[in-house]
Amino acid sequence: MEMIKNLALATDTTSATPDWMVVVMGVGVVFVGLVLIILICKIMGLFFAKTQKTKEKPAAPVVAPAVQNTVIENRQEIIAAVTAAVAEEMGKDVSALRVISFKKL
């Protein structure tokens, strides 16, 4: 019987911390943790930005390849497929669309 009384006294929550204090502490710990994560990310970003600047070399100018006027063998089939896909996406009938120009980008 003495053991049950001791157990009851050990589990008595009347003198415990109020619920609002537990919530405030929990939220505070979360926000402090988030602020620390942000600070660590900023410091790491500054560190890697400095190391990246020292490793940069002047880039050679990029020359665009010459545009070749190649003849597309099945041009009508490609236009029909693209028109069908556009009509499906727009929710319209294919016959409602008119292709004015078709250029390779």
C-alpha atoms as a PDB file:
ATOM      1  CA  MET A   1       0.000   0.000   0.000  1.00  0.00           C
ATOM      2  CA  GLU A   2       2.899   2.314   0.765  1.00  0.00           C
ATOM      3  CA  MET A   3       4.208   1.752  -2.761  1.00  0.00           C
ATOM      4  CA  ILE A   4       0.939   2.913  -4.308  1.00  0.00           C
ATOM      5  CA  LYS A   5       1.018   6.128  -2.240  1.00  0.00           C
ATOM      6  CA  ASN A   6       4.586   6.829  -3.352  1.00  0.00           C
ATOM      7  CA  LEU A   7       3.601   6.223  -6.983  1.00  0.00           C
ATOM      8  CA  ALA A   8       0.623   8.543  -6.615  1.00  0.00           C
ATOM      9  CA  LEU A   9       2.844  11.259  -5.163  1.00  0.00           C
ATOM     10  CA  ALA A  10       5.376  10.828  -7.972  1.00  0.00           C
ATOM     11  CA  THR A  11       2.704  11.262 -10.645  1.00  0.00           C
ATOM     12  CA  ASP A  12       0.985  14.215  -8.983  1.00  0.00           C
ATOM     13  CA  THR A  13       0.871  17.023 -11.568  1.00  0.00           C
ATOM     14  CA  THR A  14      -0.599  19.770  -9.427  1.00  0.00           C
ATOM     15  CA  SER A  15       2.813  21.343  -8.822  1.00  0.00           C
ATOM     16  CA  ALA A  16       3.980  20.973 -12.431  1.00  0.00           C
ATOM     17  CA  THR A  17       4.710  23.829 -14.823  1.00  0.00           C
ATOM     18  CA  PRO A  18       1.577  25.471 -16.293  1.00  0.00           C
ATOM     19  CA  ASP A  19       0.542  24.416 -19.781  1.00  0.00           C
ATOM     20  CA  TRP A  20       1.010  27.885 -21.272  1.00  0.00           C
ATOM     21  CA  MET A  21       4.635  27.912 -20.104  1.00  0.00           C
ATOM     22  CA  VAL A  22       5.287  24.603 -21.871  1.00  0.00           C
ATOM     23  CA  VAL A  23       3.816  26.007 -25.092  1.00  0.00           C
ATOM     24  CA  VAL A  24       5.838  29.228 -24.856  1.00  0.00           C
ATOM     25  CA  MET A  25       9.049  27.320 -24.204  1.00  0.00           C
ATOM     26  CA  GLY A  26       8.382  24.946 -27.088  1.00  0.00           C
ATOM     27  CA  VAL A  27       7.673  27.729 -29.561  1.00  0.00           C
ATOM     28  CA  GLY A  28      10.679  29.689 -28.281  1.00  0.00           C
ATOM     29  CA  VAL A  29      13.015  26.749 -28.751  1.00  0.00           C
ATOM     30  CA  VAL A  30      11.733  26.201 -32.291  1.00  0.00           C
ATOM     31  CA  PHE A  31      12.263  29.837 -33.305  1.00  0.00           C
ATOM     32  CA  VAL A  32      15.688  30.017 -31.684  1.00  0.00           C
ATOM     33  CA  GLY A  33      16.624  26.872 -33.604  1.00  0.00           C
ATOM     34  CA  LEU A  34      15.370  28.376 -36.869  1.00  0.00           C
ATOM     35  CA  VAL A  35      17.346  31.572 -36.305  1.00  0.00           C
ATOM     36  CA  LEU A  36      20.477  29.525 -35.636  1.00  0.00           C
ATOM     37  CA  ILE A  37      19.942  27.524 -38.840  1.00  0.00           C
ATOM     38  CA  ILE A  38      19.576  30.775 -40.811  1.00  0.00           C
ATOM     39  CA  LEU A  39      22.760  32.172 -39.307  1.00  0.00           C
ATOM     40  CA  ILE A  40      24.682  28.978 -40.115  1.00  0.00           C
ATOM     41  CA  CYS A  41      23.423  29.098 -43.719  1.00  0.00           C
ATOM     42  CA  LYS A  42      24.470  32.739 -44.090  1.00  0.00           C
ATOM     43  CA  ILE A  43      27.954  32.045 -42.709  1.00  0.00           C
ATOM     44  CA  MET A  44      28.374  29.025 -44.985  1.00  0.00           C
ATOM     45  CA  GLY A  45      27.170  31.105 -47.951  1.00  0.00           C
ATOM     46  CA  LEU A  46      29.751  33.792 -47.238  1.00  0.00           C
ATOM     47  CA  PHE A  47      32.476  31.180 -46.874  1.00  0.00           C
ATOM     48  CA  PHE A  48      31.660  29.444 -50.154  1.00  0.00           C
ATOM     49  CA  ALA A  49      31.161  32.735 -52.013  1.00  0.00           C
ATOM     50  CA  LYS A  50      34.710  33.757 -51.133  1.00  0.00           C
ATOM     51  CA  THR A  51      36.165  30.409 -52.172  1.00  0.00           C
ATOM     52  CA  GLN A  52      34.233  30.480 -55.430  1.00  0.00           C
ATOM     53  CA  LYS A  53      35.512  33.954 -56.322  1.00  0.00           C
ATOM     54  CA  THR A  54      39.103  32.847 -55.898  1.00  0.00           C
ATOM     55  CA  LYS A  55      38.590  29.858 -58.183  1.00  0.00           C
ATOM     56  CA  GLU A  56      36.905  31.770 -61.018  1.00  0.00           C
ATOM     57  CA  LYS A  57      38.821  32.056 -64.251  1.00  0.00           C
ATOM     58  CA  PRO A  58      37.999  34.405 -67.081  1.00  0.00           C
ATOM     59  CA  ALA A  59      35.645  32.606 -69.403  1.00  0.00           C
ATOM     60  CA  ALA A  60      36.324  32.412 -73.095  1.00  0.00           C
ATOM     61  CA  PRO A  61      33.730  34.167 -75.241  1.00  0.00           C
ATOM     62  CA  VAL A  62      31.047  31.803 -76.456  1.00  0.00           C
ATOM     63  CA  VAL A  63      30.580  31.761 -80.188  1.00  0.00           C
ATOM     64  CA  ALA A  64      27.087  30.897 -81.363  1.00  0.00           C
ATOM     65  CA  PRO A  65      26.953  28.145 -83.965  1.00  0.00           C
ATOM     66  CA  ALA A  66      25.962  29.178 -87.443  1.00  0.00           C
ATOM     67  CA  VAL A  67      22.286  28.632 -88.241  1.00  0.00           C
ATOM     68  CA  GLN A  68      21.818  26.009 -90.876  1.00  0.00           C
ATOM     69  CA  ASN A  69      18.833  26.122 -93.157  1.00  0.00           C
ATOM     70  CA  THR A  70      18.008  22.449 -93.162  1.00  0.00           C
ATOM     71  CA  VAL A  71      14.973  21.176 -94.938  1.00  0.00           C
ATOM     72  CA  ILE A  72      12.620  19.242 -92.693  1.00  0.00           C
ATOM     73  CA  GLU A  73      11.417  16.185 -94.572  1.00  0.00           C
ATOM     74  CA  ASN A  74       8.133  15.646 -92.745  1.00  0.00           C
ATOM     75  CA  ARG A  75       7.247  19.258 -91.981  1.00  0.00           C
ATOM     76  CA  GLN A  76       3.476  18.787 -92.355  1.00  0.00           C
ATOM     77  CA  GLU A  77       3.460  15.860 -89.917  1.00  0.00           C
ATOM     78  CA  ILE A  78       5.380  17.869 -87.305  1.00  0.00           C
ATOM     79  CA  ILE A  79       3.046  20.852 -87.706  1.00  0.00           C
ATOM     80  CA  ALA A  80       0.024  18.551 -87.356  1.00  0.00           C
ATOM     81  CA  ALA A  81       1.417  16.964 -84.173  1.00  0.00           C
ATOM     82  CA  VAL A  82       2.269  20.316 -82.582  1.00  0.00           C
ATOM     83  CA  THR A  83      -1.124  21.756 -83.538  1.00  0.00           C
ATOM     84  CA  ALA A  84      -2.899  18.741 -82.042  1.00  0.00           C
ATOM     85  CA  ALA A  85      -0.947  19.101 -78.785  1.00  0.00           C
ATOM     86  CA  VAL A  86      -1.700  22.845 -78.579  1.00  0.00           C
ATOM     87  CA  ALA A  87      -5.397  22.257 -79.339  1.00  0.00           C
ATOM     88  CA  GLU A  88      -5.586  19.584 -76.627  1.00  0.00           C
ATOM     89  CA  GLU A  89      -3.950  21.901 -74.091  1.00  0.00           C
ATOM     90  CA  MET A  90      -6.264  24.782 -75.006  1.00  0.00           C
ATOM     91  CA  GLY A  91      -9.340  22.559 -75.013  1.00  0.00           C
ATOM     92  CA  LYS A  92     -10.314  23.489 -78.567  1.00  0.00           C
ATOM     93  CA  ASP A  93     -10.849  21.590 -81.789  1.00  0.00           C
ATOM     94  CA  VAL A  94      -7.850  21.259 -84.094  1.00  0.00           C
ATOM     95  CA  SER A  95      -9.816  22.755 -86.987  1.00  0.00           C
ATOM     96  CA  ALA A  96     -10.323  25.946 -84.903  1.00  0.00           C
ATOM     97  CA  LEU A  97      -6.577  26.639 -84.948  1.00  0.00           C
ATOM     98  CA  ARG A  98      -4.702  28.207 -87.828  1.00  0.00           C
ATOM     99  CA  VAL A  99      -0.924  27.919 -88.088  1.00  0.00           C
ATOM    100  CA  ILE A 100       0.486  31.138 -89.501  1.00  0.00           C
ATOM    101  CA  SER A 101       4.204  30.395 -89.169  1.00  0.00           C
ATOM    102  CA  PHE A 102       6.340  27.561 -87.884  1.00  0.00           C
ATOM    103  CA  LYS A 103       9.988  28.325 -87.178  1.00  0.00           C
ATOM    104  CA  LYS A 104      12.713  26.284 -85.547  1.00  0.00           C
ATOM    105  CA  LEU A 105      14.161  28.046 -82.508  1.00  0.00           C
END
